[in-house]
Amino acid sequence: EPQLVVYGVTFFASEAILVWGVFILPFAAQIAGVDCHCGLDLLLGQFHALIEDLKELL
């Protein structure tokens, strides 16, 4: 049962990172006037980190 709790917490943390990276950062970059390429690089970096976290879970 402790593994299930840790998995649940990690899963929700990964979802929060995904929501942050997909929905919030692009809008923040546009509002701040950041170049689109920099925002895309930041998003790709976050997706890479998310994929690495998911690999560790599996």
Protein backbone atom coordinates (compact mmCIF):
# COMPACT_ATOMS: atom_id res chain seq x y z
CA GLU A 1 0.00 0.00 0.00
CA PRO A 2 2.82 2.56 0.61
CA GLN A 3 3.95 2.10 -3.00
CA LEU A 4 0.45 2.93 -4.19
CA VAL A 5 0.45 6.17 -2.20
CA VAL A 6 3.87 7.17 -3.57
CA TYR A 7 2.74 6.32 -7.11
CA GLY A 8 -0.42 8.41 -6.68
CA VAL A 9 1.50 11.41 -5.39
CA THR A 10 4.05 11.13 -8.19
CA PHE A 11 1.31 10.74 -10.80
CA PHE A 12 -0.48 13.88 -9.65
CA ALA A 13 2.80 15.80 -9.50
CA SER A 14 3.53 14.75 -13.09
CA GLU A 15 0.07 15.89 -14.17
CA ALA A 16 0.62 19.25 -12.50
CA ILE A 17 3.92 19.66 -14.37
CA LEU A 18 2.22 18.73 -17.64
CA VAL A 19 -0.61 21.22 -17.10
CA TRP A 20 1.89 23.90 -16.14
CA GLY A 21 4.05 23.24 -19.21
CA VAL A 22 1.26 22.91 -21.74
CA PHE A 23 -1.21 25.57 -20.68
CA ILE A 24 0.37 28.15 -18.40
CA LEU A 25 3.90 28.72 -19.74
CA PRO A 26 2.94 29.49 -23.37
CA PHE A 27 0.47 32.14 -22.22
CA ALA A 28 2.96 33.59 -19.76
CA ALA A 29 5.58 33.78 -22.51
CA GLN A 30 3.18 35.64 -24.80
CA ILE A 31 2.14 38.07 -22.09
CA ALA A 32 5.74 38.75 -21.12
CA GLY A 33 6.71 39.22 -24.77
CA VAL A 34 9.24 36.39 -24.72
CA ASP A 35 10.33 35.10 -28.11
CA CYS A 36 8.33 32.03 -29.17
CA HIS A 37 11.43 29.93 -29.76
CA CYS A 38 12.59 30.40 -26.18
CA GLY A 39 9.17 29.36 -24.91
CA LEU A 40 9.25 26.27 -27.11
CA ASP A 41 12.72 25.33 -25.85
CA LEU A 42 11.47 25.66 -22.29
CA LEU A 43 8.44 23.47 -23.02
CA LEU A 44 10.56 20.80 -24.70
CA GLY A 45 12.87 20.75 -21.70
CA GLN A 46 9.93 20.23 -19.37
CA PHE A 47 8.47 17.47 -21.53
CA HIS A 48 11.86 15.73 -21.47
CA ALA A 49 11.90 15.89 -17.66
CA LEU A 50 8.34 14.55 -17.51
CA ILE A 51 9.18 11.64 -19.82
CA GLU A 52 12.24 10.79 -17.72
CA ASP A 53 10.07 10.77 -14.57
CA LEU A 54 7.57 8.45 -16.23
CA LYS A 55 10.38 6.11 -17.36
CA GLU A 56 11.55 5.82 -13.76
CA LEU A 57 8.04 4.85 -12.65
CA LEU A 58 7.79 2.09 -15.22
